[in-house]
Amino acid sequence: MSRHSLGRRGERAAARALRRAGYRLLGRNLETPEGEVDLLAREGGVLVVIEVKTRATQGPPRVAHAQRQRLAAAARWLASRPRLRTALGAPSTFRVDYAFVTLDARRFVVTIRRDMMRQS
């Protein structure tokens, strides 16, 4: 399986896991002035930007500080767009979550880590 295919399949697995966890998906692969957002969702009254990291092997996921900052800037940009918030029914508060996806014996295992900006 190519890296691109693995990433695409990992995003689909993450989206399914997030829906089961109660997230309402609002968009995928959104371009912002701050960079791409893999998944955009709403959980309760919070707009959630989700970065998906997919790996074919086990191992601790690594998210660089600069990437966390970029995702927070993208979330702030999205949360500040009144028309977008209205169209998506999204609130003005936000957080950044991660979905870590690994391929384990031909199935995807998804681990969701909430509010990664607090863990930086």
PDB file of N, CA and C in Angstrom:
ATOM      1  N   MET A   1       0.852  -1.174   0.000  1.00  0.00           N
ATOM      2  CA  MET A   1       0.000   0.000   0.000  1.00  0.00           C
ATOM      3  C   MET A   1       0.901   1.241   0.000  1.00  0.00           C
ATOM      4  N   SER A   2       0.599   2.189  -0.878  1.00  0.00           N
ATOM      5  CA  SER A   2       1.401   3.412  -0.958  1.00  0.00           C
ATOM      6  C   SER A   2       1.140   4.293   0.268  1.00  0.00           C
ATOM      7  N   ARG A   3       2.060   5.199   0.505  1.00  0.00           N
ATOM      8  CA  ARG A   3       1.917   6.116   1.641  1.00  0.00           C
ATOM      9  C   ARG A   3       0.664   6.979   1.500  1.00  0.00           C
ATOM     10  N   HIS A   4       0.397   7.440   0.271  1.00  0.00           N
ATOM     11  CA  HIS A   4      -0.792   8.259   0.013  1.00  0.00           C
ATOM     12  C   HIS A   4      -2.072   7.463   0.285  1.00  0.00           C
ATOM     13  N   SER A   5      -2.100   6.236  -0.197  1.00  0.00           N
ATOM     14  CA  SER A   5      -3.264   5.368   0.022  1.00  0.00           C
ATOM     15  C   SER A   5      -3.452   5.074   1.514  1.00  0.00           C
ATOM     16  N   LEU A   6      -2.354   4.815   2.197  1.00  0.00           N
ATOM     17  CA  LEU A   6      -2.419   4.561   3.642  1.00  0.00           C
ATOM     18  C   LEU A   6      -2.996   5.771   4.363  1.00  0.00           C
ATOM     19  N   GLY A   7      -2.536   6.970   3.995  1.00  0.00           N
ATOM     20  CA  GLY A   7      -3.035   8.190   4.633  1.00  0.00           C
ATOM     21  C   GLY A   7      -4.516   8.410   4.383  1.00  0.00           C
ATOM     22  N   ARG A   8      -4.940   8.184   3.152  1.00  0.00           N
ATOM     23  CA  ARG A   8      -6.358   8.353   2.800  1.00  0.00           C
ATOM     24  C   ARG A   8      -7.237   7.361   3.572  1.00  0.00           C
ATOM     25  N   ARG A   9      -6.794   6.116   3.620  1.00  0.00           N
ATOM     26  CA  ARG A   9      -7.561   5.098   4.356  1.00  0.00           C
ATOM     27  C   ARG A   9      -7.554   5.381   5.858  1.00  0.00           C
ATOM     28  N   GLY A  10      -6.433   5.889   6.345  1.00  0.00           N
ATOM     29  CA  GLY A  10      -6.354   6.259   7.756  1.00  0.00           C
ATOM     30  C   GLY A  10      -7.313   7.386   8.094  1.00  0.00           C
ATOM     31  N   GLU A  11      -7.447   8.368   7.205  1.00  0.00           N
ATOM     32  CA  GLU A  11      -8.402   9.467   7.438  1.00  0.00           C
ATOM     33  C   GLU A  11      -9.831   8.953   7.482  1.00  0.00           C
ATOM     34  N   ARG A  12     -10.155   8.018   6.591  1.00  0.00           N
ATOM     35  CA  ARG A  12     -11.514   7.441   6.613  1.00  0.00           C
ATOM     36  C   ARG A  12     -11.762   6.677   7.910  1.00  0.00           C
ATOM     37  N   ALA A  13     -10.766   5.912   8.362  1.00  0.00           N
ATOM     38  CA  ALA A  13     -10.899   5.172   9.623  1.00  0.00           C
ATOM     39  C   ALA A  13     -11.053   6.146  10.790  1.00  0.00           C
ATOM     40  N   ALA A  14     -10.291   7.230  10.767  1.00  0.00           N
ATOM     41  CA  ALA A  14     -10.391   8.238  11.828  1.00  0.00           C
ATOM     42  C   ALA A  14     -11.771   8.876  11.825  1.00  0.00           C
ATOM     43  N   ALA A  15     -12.293   9.201  10.645  1.00  0.00           N
ATOM     44  CA  ALA A  15     -13.620   9.817  10.553  1.00  0.00           C
ATOM     45  C   ALA A  15     -14.684   8.895  11.147  1.00  0.00           C
ATOM     46  N   ARG A  16     -14.609   7.614  10.843  1.00  0.00           N
ATOM     47  CA  ARG A  16     -15.582   6.655  11.416  1.00  0.00           C
ATOM     48  C   ARG A  16     -15.469   6.607  12.942  1.00  0.00           C
ATOM     49  N   ALA A  17     -14.241   6.544  13.446  1.00  0.00           N
ATOM     50  CA  ALA A  17     -14.029   6.486  14.896  1.00  0.00           C
ATOM     51  C   ALA A  17     -14.520   7.760  15.578  1.00  0.00           C
ATOM     52  N   LEU A  18     -14.290   8.890  14.961  1.00  0.00           N
ATOM     53  CA  LEU A  18     -14.739  10.163  15.533  1.00  0.00           C
ATOM     54  C   LEU A  18     -16.259  10.238  15.576  1.00  0.00           C
ATOM     55  N   ARG A  19     -16.921   9.786  14.506  1.00  0.00           N
ATOM     56  CA  ARG A  19     -18.398   9.767  14.512  1.00  0.00           C
ATOM     57  C   ARG A  19     -18.907   8.881  15.643  1.00  0.00           C
ATOM     58  N   ARG A  20     -18.297   7.703  15.791  1.00  0.00           N
ATOM     59  CA  ARG A  20     -18.720   6.797  16.875  1.00  0.00           C
ATOM     60  C   ARG A  20     -18.488   7.422  18.251  1.00  0.00           C
ATOM     61  N   ALA A  21     -17.484   8.284  18.348  1.00  0.00           N
ATOM     62  CA  ALA A  21     -17.160   8.945  19.627  1.00  0.00           C
ATOM     63  C   ALA A  21     -18.029  10.174  19.874  1.00  0.00           C
ATOM     64  N   GLY A  22     -18.937  10.496  18.935  1.00  0.00           N
ATOM     65  CA  GLY A  22     -19.862  11.603  19.151  1.00  0.00           C
ATOM     66  C   GLY A  22     -19.532  12.902  18.434  1.00  0.00           C
ATOM     67  N   TYR A  23     -18.493  12.913  17.632  1.00  0.00           N
ATOM     68  CA  TYR A  23     -18.165  14.105  16.857  1.00  0.00           C
ATOM     69  C   TYR A  23     -19.122  14.197  15.662  1.00  0.00           C
ATOM     70  N   ARG A  24     -19.432  15.427  15.270  1.00  0.00           N
ATOM     71  CA  ARG A  24     -20.207  15.656  14.046  1.00  0.00           C
ATOM     72  C   ARG A  24     -19.234  16.222  13.021  1.00  0.00           C
ATOM     73  N   LEU A  25     -18.918  15.444  12.000  1.00  0.00           N
ATOM     74  CA  LEU A  25     -17.950  15.885  10.995  1.00  0.00           C
ATOM     75  C   LEU A  25     -18.549  16.973  10.124  1.00  0.00           C
ATOM     76  N   LEU A  26     -17.782  18.043   9.926  1.00  0.00           N
ATOM     77  CA  LEU A  26     -18.230  19.188   9.140  1.00  0.00           C
ATOM     78  C   LEU A  26     -17.468  19.326   7.825  1.00  0.00           C
ATOM     79  N   GLY A  27     -16.257  18.799   7.754  1.00  0.00           N
ATOM     80  CA  GLY A  27     -15.482  18.935   6.531  1.00  0.00           C
ATOM     81  C   GLY A  27     -14.201  18.125   6.580  1.00  0.00           C
ATOM     82  N   ARG A  28     -13.629  17.917   5.388  1.00  0.00           N
ATOM     83  CA  ARG A  28     -12.366  17.180   5.251  1.00  0.00           C
ATOM     84  C   ARG A  28     -11.427  17.963   4.350  1.00  0.00           C
ATOM     85  N   ASN A  29     -10.152  17.882   4.663  1.00  0.00           N
ATOM     86  CA  ASN A  29      -9.093  18.471   3.839  1.00  0.00           C
ATOM     87  C   ASN A  29      -9.392  19.927   3.466  1.00  0.00           C
ATOM     88  N   LEU A  30      -9.634  20.729   4.481  1.00  0.00           N
ATOM     89  CA  LEU A  30      -9.946  22.147   4.272  1.00  0.00           C
ATOM     90  C   LEU A  30      -8.668  22.966   4.196  1.00  0.00           C
ATOM     91  N   GLU A  31      -8.609  23.829   3.192  1.00  0.00           N
ATOM     92  CA  GLU A  31      -7.466  24.735   3.050  1.00  0.00           C
ATOM     93  C   GLU A  31      -7.773  26.038   3.777  1.00  0.00           C
ATOM     94  N   THR A  32      -6.843  26.487   4.605  1.00  0.00           N
ATOM     95  CA  THR A  32      -6.944  27.787   5.270  1.00  0.00           C
ATOM     96  C   THR A  32      -5.659  28.545   4.973  1.00  0.00           C
ATOM     97  N   PRO A  33      -5.613  29.840   5.245  1.00  0.00           N
ATOM     98  CA  PRO A  33      -4.355  30.582   5.059  1.00  0.00           C
ATOM     99  C   PRO A  33      -3.228  30.028   5.934  1.00  0.00           C
ATOM    100  N   GLU A  34      -3.576  29.295   6.972  1.00  0.00           N
ATOM    101  CA  GLU A  34      -2.581  28.744   7.897  1.00  0.00           C
ATOM    102  C   GLU A  34      -2.154  27.328   7.528  1.00  0.00           C
ATOM    103  N   GLY A  35      -2.809  26.726   6.542  1.00  0.00           N
ATOM    104  CA  GLY A  35      -2.476  25.364   6.132  1.00  0.00           C
ATOM    105  C   GLY A  35      -3.714  24.487   6.094  1.00  0.00           C
ATOM    106  N   GLU A  36      -3.505  23.241   5.713  1.00  0.00           N
ATOM    107  CA  GLU A  36      -4.623  22.315   5.573  1.00  0.00           C
ATOM    108  C   GLU A  36      -5.067  21.744   6.916  1.00  0.00           C
ATOM    109  N   VAL A  37      -6.382  21.569   7.027  1.00  0.00           N
ATOM    110  CA  VAL A  37      -6.986  20.916   8.184  1.00  0.00           C
ATOM    111  C   VAL A  37      -7.524  19.571   7.685  1.00  0.00           C
ATOM    112  N   ASP A  38      -7.056  18.477   8.285  1.00  0.00           N
ATOM    113  CA  ASP A  38      -7.482  17.152   7.825  1.00  0.00           C
ATOM    114  C   ASP A  38      -8.979  16.950   7.994  1.00  0.00           C
ATOM    115  N   LEU A  39      -9.458  17.149   9.215  1.00  0.00           N
ATOM    116  CA  LEU A  39     -10.882  16.991   9.506  1.00  0.00           C
ATOM    117  C   LEU A  39     -11.351  18.154  10.369  1.00  0.00           C
ATOM    118  N   LEU A  40     -12.558  18.606  10.109  1.00  0.00           N
ATOM    119  CA  LEU A  40     -13.187  19.643  10.926  1.00  0.00           C
ATOM    120  C   LEU A  40     -14.465  19.045  11.480  1.00  0.00           C
ATOM    121  N   ALA A  41     -14.671  19.208  12.768  1.00  0.00           N
ATOM    122  CA  ALA A  41     -15.839  18.601  13.406  1.00  0.00           C
ATOM    123  C   ALA A  41     -16.378  19.522  14.485  1.00  0.00           C
ATOM    124  N   ARG A  42     -17.494  19.113  15.002  1.00  0.00           N
ATOM    125  CA  ARG A  42     -18.096  19.782  16.148  1.00  0.00           C
ATOM    126  C   ARG A  42     -18.351  18.702  17.189  1.00  0.00           C
ATOM    127  N   GLU A  43     -17.989  19.014  18.419  1.00  0.00           N
ATOM    128  CA  GLU A  43     -18.304  18.121  19.531  1.00  0.00           C
ATOM    129  C   GLU A  43     -18.945  18.989  20.591  1.00  0.00           C
ATOM    130  N   GLY A  44     -20.230  18.763  20.808  1.00  0.00           N
ATOM    131  CA  GLY A  44     -20.955  19.627  21.720  1.00  0.00           C
ATOM    132  C   GLY A  44     -20.916  21.048  21.200  1.00  0.00           C
ATOM    133  N   GLY A  45     -20.486  21.973  22.026  1.00  0.00           N
ATOM    134  CA  GLY A  45     -20.433  23.374  21.628  1.00  0.00           C
ATOM    135  C   GLY A  45     -19.061  23.833  21.191  1.00  0.00           C
ATOM    136  N   VAL A  46     -18.230  22.919  20.713  1.00  0.00           N
ATOM    137  CA  VAL A  46     -16.846  23.265  20.384  1.00  0.00           C
ATOM    138  C   VAL A  46     -16.532  22.888  18.933  1.00  0.00           C
ATOM    139  N   LEU A  47     -15.881  23.805  18.227  1.00  0.00           N
ATOM    140  CA  LEU A  47     -15.362  23.532  16.889  1.00  0.00           C
ATOM    141  C   LEU A  47     -14.036  22.797  17.078  1.00  0.00           C
ATOM    142  N   VAL A  48     -13.860  21.671  16.414  1.00  0.00           N
ATOM    143  CA  VAL A  48     -12.664  20.844  16.613  1.00  0.00           C
ATOM    144  C   VAL A  48     -11.921  20.661  15.292  1.00  0.00           C
ATOM    145  N   VAL A  49     -10.658  21.081  15.290  1.00  0.00           N
ATOM    146  CA  VAL A  49      -9.753  20.827  14.175  1.00  0.00           C
ATOM    147  C   VAL A  49      -9.012  19.547  14.519  1.00  0.00           C
ATOM    148  N   ILE A  50      -9.032  18.584  13.592  1.00  0.00           N
ATOM    149  CA  ILE A  50      -8.431  17.278  13.872  1.00  0.00           C
ATOM    150  C   ILE A  50      -7.332  16.987  12.870  1.00  0.00           C
ATOM    151  N   GLU A  51      -6.147  16.720  13.388  1.00  0.00           N
ATOM    152  CA  GLU A  51      -5.017  16.289  12.581  1.00  0.00           C
ATOM    153  C   GLU A  51      -4.970  14.769  12.656  1.00  0.00           C
ATOM    154  N   VAL A  52      -4.875  14.130  11.504  1.00  0.00           N
ATOM    155  CA  VAL A  52      -4.816  12.669  11.446  1.00  0.00           C
ATOM    156  C   VAL A  52      -3.389  12.263  11.109  1.00  0.00           C
ATOM    157  N   LYS A  53      -2.818  11.390  11.919  1.00  0.00           N
ATOM    158  CA  LYS A  53      -1.488  10.840  11.686  1.00  0.00           C
ATOM    159  C   LYS A  53      -1.650   9.339  11.515  1.00  0.00           C
ATOM    160  N   THR A  54      -1.276   8.826  10.343  1.00  0.00           N
ATOM    161  CA  THR A  54      -1.426   7.404  10.055  1.00  0.00           C
ATOM    162  C   THR A  54      -0.053   6.776   9.866  1.00  0.00           C
ATOM    163  N   ARG A  55       0.133   5.622  10.509  1.00  0.00           N
ATOM    164  CA  ARG A  55       1.395   4.889  10.399  1.00  0.00           C
ATOM    165  C   ARG A  55       1.101   3.422  10.126  1.00  0.00           C
ATOM    166  N   ALA A  56       1.989   2.793   9.379  1.00  0.00           N
ATOM    167  CA  ALA A  56       1.844   1.365   9.103  1.00  0.00           C
ATOM    168  C   ALA A  56       2.440   0.528  10.223  1.00  0.00           C
ATOM    169  N   THR A  57       3.192   1.148  11.103  1.00  0.00           N
ATOM    170  CA  THR A  57       3.838   0.422  12.198  1.00  0.00           C
ATOM    171  C   THR A  57       3.443   1.035  13.533  1.00  0.00           C
ATOM    172  N   GLN A  58       3.632   0.262  14.573  1.00  0.00           N
ATOM    173  CA  GLN A  58       3.371   0.756  15.921  1.00  0.00           C
ATOM    174  C   GLN A  58       4.504   1.702  16.308  1.00  0.00           C
ATOM    175  N   GLY A  59       4.249   2.530  17.256  1.00  0.00           N
ATOM    176  CA  GLY A  59       5.270   3.455  17.730  1.00  0.00           C
ATOM    177  C   GLY A  59       4.605   4.709  18.240  1.00  0.00           C
ATOM    178  N   PRO A  60       5.284   5.436  19.085  1.00  0.00           N
ATOM    179  CA  PRO A  60       4.681   6.648  19.638  1.00  0.00           C
ATOM    180  C   PRO A  60       4.515   7.714  18.563  1.00  0.00           C
ATOM    181  N   PRO A  61       3.333   8.306  18.486  1.00  0.00           N
ATOM    182  CA  PRO A  61       3.126   9.377  17.509  1.00  0.00           C
ATOM    183  C   PRO A  61       3.910  10.613  17.915  1.00  0.00           C
ATOM    184  N   ARG A  62       4.354  11.346  16.924  1.00  0.00           N
ATOM    185  CA  ARG A  62       5.122  12.556  17.202  1.00  0.00           C
ATOM    186  C   ARG A  62       4.493  13.720  16.455  1.00  0.00           C
ATOM    187  N   VAL A  63       4.190  14.767  17.187  1.00  0.00           N
ATOM    188  CA  VAL A  63       3.634  15.975  16.582  1.00  0.00           C
ATOM    189  C   VAL A  63       4.509  17.142  17.035  1.00  0.00           C
ATOM    190  N   ALA A  64       5.144  17.780  16.074  1.00  0.00           N
ATOM    191  CA  ALA A  64       6.065  18.877  16.373  1.00  0.00           C
ATOM    192  C   ALA A  64       5.308  20.084  16.927  1.00  0.00           C
ATOM    193  N   HIS A  65       5.981  20.839  17.759  1.00  0.00           N
ATOM    194  CA  HIS A  65       5.401  22.045  18.347  1.00  0.00           C
ATOM    195  C   HIS A  65       4.930  23.012  17.258  1.00  0.00           C
ATOM    196  N   ALA A  66       5.732  23.179  16.212  1.00  0.00           N
ATOM    197  CA  ALA A  66       5.366  24.094  15.123  1.00  0.00           C
ATOM    198  C   ALA A  66       4.072  23.643  14.452  1.00  0.00           C
ATOM    199  N   GLN A  67       3.889  22.337  14.322  1.00  0.00           N
ATOM    200  CA  GLN A  67       2.654  21.847  13.712  1.00  0.00           C
ATOM    201  C   GLN A  67       1.457  22.112  14.619  1.00  0.00           C
ATOM    202  N   ARG A  68       1.625  21.931  15.911  1.00  0.00           N
ATOM    203  CA  ARG A  68       0.532  22.240  16.841  1.00  0.00           C
ATOM    204  C   ARG A  68       0.157  23.712  16.748  1.00  0.00           C
ATOM    205  N   GLN A  69       1.154  24.576  16.638  1.00  0.00           N
ATOM    206  CA  GLN A  69       0.904  26.014  16.522  1.00  0.00           C
ATOM    207  C   GLN A  69       0.176  26.344  15.216  1.00  0.00           C
ATOM    208  N   ARG A  70       0.581  25.699  14.119  1.00  0.00           N
ATOM    209  CA  ARG A  70      -0.064  25.920  12.825  1.00  0.00           C
ATOM    210  C   ARG A  70      -1.518  25.490  12.877  1.00  0.00           C
ATOM    211  N   LEU A  71      -1.796  24.359  13.503  1.00  0.00           N
ATOM    212  CA  LEU A  71      -3.177  23.878  13.605  1.00  0.00           C
ATOM    213  C   LEU A  71      -4.020  24.792  14.482  1.00  0.00           C
ATOM    214  N   ALA A  72      -3.443  25.307  15.545  1.00  0.00           N
ATOM    215  CA  ALA A  72      -4.172  26.250  16.399  1.00  0.00           C
ATOM    216  C   ALA A  72      -4.487  27.521  15.615  1.00  0.00           C
ATOM    217  N   ALA A  73      -3.544  27.988  14.797  1.00  0.00           N
ATOM    218  CA  ALA A  73      -3.789  29.185  13.979  1.00  0.00           C
ATOM    219  C   ALA A  73      -4.896  28.911  12.963  1.00  0.00           C
ATOM    220  N   ALA A  74      -4.910  27.725  12.365  1.00  0.00           N
ATOM    221  CA  ALA A  74      -5.972  27.359  11.418  1.00  0.00           C
ATOM    222  C   ALA A  74      -7.320  27.305  12.132  1.00  0.00           C
ATOM    223  N   ALA A  75      -7.331  26.765  13.342  1.00  0.00           N
ATOM    224  CA  ALA A  75      -8.579  26.696  14.127  1.00  0.00           C
ATOM    225  C   ALA A  75      -9.078  28.095  14.458  1.00  0.00           C
ATOM    226  N   ARG A  76      -8.168  28.993  14.868  1.00  0.00           N
ATOM    227  CA  ARG A  76      -8.562  30.375  15.160  1.00  0.00           C
ATOM    228  C   ARG A  76      -9.131  31.044  13.913  1.00  0.00           C
ATOM    229  N   TRP A  77      -8.486  30.812  12.770  1.00  0.00           N
ATOM    230  CA  TRP A  77      -8.970  31.402  11.520  1.00  0.00           C
ATOM    231  C   TRP A  77     -10.381  30.896  11.215  1.00  0.00           C
ATOM    232  N   LEU A  78     -10.595  29.592  11.316  1.00  0.00           N
ATOM    233  CA  LEU A  78     -11.927  29.031  11.046  1.00  0.00           C
ATOM    234  C   LEU A  78     -12.966  29.565  12.030  1.00  0.00           C
ATOM    235  N   ALA A  79     -12.594  29.637  13.309  1.00  0.00           N
ATOM    236  CA  ALA A  79     -13.532  30.103  14.336  1.00  0.00           C
ATOM    237  C   ALA A  79     -13.875  31.578  14.178  1.00  0.00           C
ATOM    238  N   SER A  80     -13.011  32.319  13.486  1.00  0.00           N
ATOM    239  CA  SER A  80     -13.253  33.762  13.325  1.00  0.00           C
ATOM    240  C   SER A  80     -14.082  34.098  12.090  1.00  0.00           C
ATOM    241  N   ARG A  81     -14.435  33.140  11.288  1.00  0.00           N
ATOM    242  CA  ARG A  81     -15.208  33.368  10.062  1.00  0.00           C
ATOM    243  C   ARG A  81     -16.702  33.281  10.370  1.00  0.00           C
ATOM    244  N   PRO A  82     -17.377  34.418  10.558  1.00  0.00           N
ATOM    245  CA  PRO A  82     -18.795  34.391  10.931  1.00  0.00           C
ATOM    246  C   PRO A  82     -19.668  33.618   9.944  1.00  0.00           C
ATOM    247  N   ARG A  83     -19.453  33.821   8.649  1.00  0.00           N
ATOM    248  CA  ARG A  83     -20.280  33.108   7.667  1.00  0.00           C
ATOM    249  C   ARG A  83     -20.061  31.601   7.722  1.00  0.00           C
ATOM    250  N   LEU A  84     -18.819  31.217   7.896  1.00  0.00           N
ATOM    251  CA  LEU A  84     -18.498  29.797   7.987  1.00  0.00           C
ATOM    252  C   LEU A  84     -19.133  29.183   9.236  1.00  0.00           C
ATOM    253  N   ARG A  85     -19.009  29.891  10.363  1.00  0.00           N
ATOM    254  CA  ARG A  85     -19.624  29.393  11.599  1.00  0.00           C
ATOM    255  C   ARG A  85     -21.125  29.229  11.428  1.00  0.00           C
ATOM    256  N   THR A  86     -21.769  30.211  10.809  1.00  0.00           N
ATOM    257  CA  THR A  86     -23.212  30.146  10.605  1.00  0.00           C
ATOM    258  C   THR A  86     -23.575  29.008   9.667  1.00  0.00           C
ATOM    259  N   ALA A  87     -22.867  28.906   8.561  1.00  0.00           N
ATOM    260  CA  ALA A  87     -23.166  27.854   7.575  1.00  0.00           C
ATOM    261  C   ALA A  87     -22.971  26.457   8.154  1.00  0.00           C
ATOM    262  N   LEU A  88     -21.957  26.300   8.979  1.00  0.00           N
ATOM    263  CA  LEU A  88     -21.667  24.981   9.547  1.00  0.00           C
ATOM    264  C   LEU A  88     -22.366  24.754  10.882  1.00  0.00           C
ATOM    265  N   GLY A  89     -23.011  25.772  11.404  1.00  0.00           N
ATOM    266  CA  GLY A  89     -23.622  25.648  12.722  1.00  0.00           C
ATOM    267  C   GLY A  89     -22.565  25.441  13.789  1.00  0.00           C
ATOM    268  N   ALA A  90     -21.406  26.044  13.563  1.00  0.00           N
ATOM    269  CA  ALA A  90     -20.280  25.825  14.460  1.00  0.00           C
ATOM    270  C   ALA A  90     -20.122  26.983  15.447  1.00  0.00           C
ATOM    271  N   PRO A  91     -19.669  26.686  16.631  1.00  0.00           N
ATOM    272  CA  PRO A  91     -19.450  27.711  17.652  1.00  0.00           C
ATOM    273  C   PRO A  91     -18.145  28.465  17.427  1.00  0.00           C
ATOM    274  N   SER A  92     -17.897  29.481  18.243  1.00  0.00           N
ATOM    275  CA  SER A  92     -16.678  30.269  18.101  1.00  0.00           C
ATOM    276  C   SER A  92     -15.538  29.735  18.963  1.00  0.00           C
ATOM    277  N   THR A  93     -15.796  28.843  19.900  1.00  0.00           N
ATOM    278  CA  THR A  93     -14.717  28.246  20.683  1.00  0.00           C
ATOM    279  C   THR A  93     -14.172  27.042  19.915  1.00  0.00           C
ATOM    280  N   PHE A  94     -12.891  26.752  20.105  1.00  0.00           N
ATOM    281  CA  PHE A  94     -12.273  25.677  19.337  1.00  0.00           C
ATOM    282  C   PHE A  94     -11.245  24.936  20.175  1.00  0.00           C
ATOM    283  N   ARG A  95     -10.837  23.782  19.643  1.00  0.00           N
ATOM    284  CA  ARG A  95      -9.702  23.045  20.190  1.00  0.00           C
ATOM    285  C   ARG A  95      -9.086  22.229  19.056  1.00  0.00           C
ATOM    286  N   VAL A  96      -7.907  21.694  19.324  1.00  0.00           N
ATOM    287  CA  VAL A  96      -7.202  20.876  18.349  1.00  0.00           C
ATOM    288  C   VAL A  96      -7.083  19.468  18.920  1.00  0.00           C
ATOM    289  N   ASP A  97      -7.620  18.498  18.192  1.00  0.00           N
ATOM    290  CA  ASP A  97      -7.524  17.089  18.573  1.00  0.00           C
ATOM    291  C   ASP A  97      -6.677  16.358  17.538  1.00  0.00           C
ATOM    292  N   TYR A  98      -6.176  15.204  17.931  1.00  0.00           N
ATOM    293  CA  TYR A  98      -5.413  14.358  17.018  1.00  0.00           C
ATOM    294  C   TYR A  98      -6.041  12.985  16.971  1.00  0.00           C
ATOM    295  N   ALA A  99      -6.026  12.403  15.786  1.00  0.00           N
ATOM    296  CA  ALA A  99      -6.427  11.013  15.613  1.00  0.00           C
ATOM    297  C   ALA A  99      -5.189  10.276  15.128  1.00  0.00           C
ATOM    298  N   PHE A 100      -4.647   9.421  15.983  1.00  0.00           N
ATOM    299  CA  PHE A 100      -3.476   8.633  15.622  1.00  0.00           C
ATOM    300  C   PHE A 100      -3.977   7.281  15.135  1.00  0.00           C
ATOM    301  N   VAL A 101      -3.609   6.928  13.917  1.00  0.00           N
ATOM    302  CA  VAL A 101      -4.107   5.717  13.282  1.00  0.00           C
ATOM    303  C   VAL A 101      -2.923   4.810  12.972  1.00  0.00           C
ATOM    304  N   THR A 102      -3.028   3.551  13.396  1.00  0.00           N
ATOM    305  CA  THR A 102      -2.000   2.572  13.057  1.00  0.00           C
ATOM    306  C   THR A 102      -2.656   1.369  12.403  1.00  0.00           C
ATOM    307  N   LEU A 103      -1.912   0.741  11.518  1.00  0.00           N
ATOM    308  CA  LEU A 103      -2.378  -0.459  10.852  1.00  0.00           C
ATOM    309  C   LEU A 103      -1.889  -1.640  11.671  1.00  0.00           C
ATOM    310  N   ASP A 104      -2.837  -2.421  12.193  1.00  0.00           N
ATOM    311  CA  ASP A 104      -2.498  -3.534  13.071  1.00  0.00           C
ATOM    312  C   ASP A 104      -3.201  -4.788  12.552  1.00  0.00           C
ATOM    313  N   ALA A 105      -2.445  -5.715  12.003  1.00  0.00           N
ATOM    314  CA  ALA A 105      -3.000  -6.973  11.490  1.00  0.00           C
ATOM    315  C   ALA A 105      -4.169  -6.724  10.535  1.00  0.00           C
ATOM    316  N   ARG A 106      -3.928  -5.851   9.565  1.00  0.00           N
ATOM    317  CA  ARG A 106      -4.901  -5.546   8.507  1.00  0.00           C
ATOM    318  C   ARG A 106      -6.129  -4.763   8.946  1.00  0.00           C
ATOM    319  N   ARG A 107      -6.097  -4.183  10.113  1.00  0.00           N
ATOM    320  CA  ARG A 107      -7.192  -3.300  10.509  1.00  0.00           C
ATOM    321  C   ARG A 107      -6.584  -2.045  11.111  1.00  0.00           C
ATOM    322  N   PHE A 108      -7.353  -0.969  11.014  1.00  0.00           N
ATOM    323  CA  PHE A 108      -6.870   0.304  11.541  1.00  0.00           C
ATOM    324  C   PHE A 108      -7.299   0.462  12.992  1.00  0.00           C
ATOM    325  N   VAL A 109      -6.370   0.885  13.808  1.00  0.00           N
ATOM    326  CA  VAL A 109      -6.639   1.185  15.210  1.00  0.00           C
ATOM    327  C   VAL A 109      -6.501   2.691  15.368  1.00  0.00           C
ATOM    328  N   VAL A 110      -7.556   3.330  15.888  1.00  0.00           N
ATOM    329  CA  VAL A 110      -7.577   4.790  16.008  1.00  0.00           C
ATOM    330  C   VAL A 110      -7.558   5.178  17.482  1.00  0.00           C
ATOM    331  N   THR A 111      -6.635   6.052  17.819  1.00  0.00           N
ATOM    332  CA  THR A 111      -6.552   6.625  19.162  1.00  0.00           C
ATOM    333  C   THR A 111      -6.803   8.120  19.036  1.00  0.00           C
ATOM    334  N   ILE A 112      -7.802   8.603  19.754  1.00  0.00           N
ATOM    335  CA  ILE A 112      -8.146  10.028  19.708  1.00  0.00           C
ATOM    336  C   ILE A 112      -7.556  10.710  20.934  1.00  0.00           C
ATOM    337  N   ARG A 113      -6.816  11.783  20.697  1.00  0.00           N
ATOM    338  CA  ARG A 113      -6.272  12.580  21.806  1.00  0.00           C
ATOM    339  C   ARG A 113      -6.891  13.959  21.714  1.00  0.00           C
ATOM    340  N   ARG A 114      -7.623  14.303  22.738  1.00  0.00           N
ATOM    341  CA  ARG A 114      -8.346  15.576  22.760  1.00  0.00           C
ATOM    342  C   ARG A 114      -7.476  16.714  23.295  1.00  0.00           C
ATOM    343  N   ASP A 115      -7.758  17.892  22.776  1.00  0.00           N
ATOM    344  CA  ASP A 115      -7.181  19.144  23.282  1.00  0.00           C
ATOM    345  C   ASP A 115      -5.658  19.098  23.370  1.00  0.00           C
ATOM    346  N   MET A 116      -5.035  18.844  22.244  1.00  0.00           N
ATOM    347  CA  MET A 116      -3.572  18.724  22.216  1.00  0.00           C
ATOM    348  C   MET A 116      -2.829  20.017  22.508  1.00  0.00           C
ATOM    349  N   MET A 117      -3.489  21.159  22.388  1.00  0.00           N
ATOM    350  CA  MET A 117      -2.802  22.409  22.686  1.00  0.00           C
ATOM    351  C   MET A 117      -2.501  22.520  24.175  1.00  0.00           C
ATOM    352  N   ARG A 118      -3.294  21.916  24.986  1.00  0.00           N
ATOM    353  CA  ARG A 118      -3.036  21.935  26.436  1.00  0.00           C
ATOM    354  C   ARG A 118      -1.895  21.006  26.814  1.00  0.00           C
ATOM    355  N   GLN A 119      -1.564  20.074  25.911  1.00  0.00           N
ATOM    356  CA  GLN A 119      -0.527  19.081  26.202  1.00  0.00           C
ATOM    357  C   GLN A 119       0.801  19.432  25.559  1.00  0.00           C
ATOM    358  N   SER A 120       0.952  20.669  25.085  1.00  0.00           N
ATOM    359  CA  SER A 120       2.193  21.034  24.386  1.00  0.00           C
ATOM    360  C   SER A 120       3.289  21.410  25.344  1.00  0.00           C
TER     361      SER A 120
END
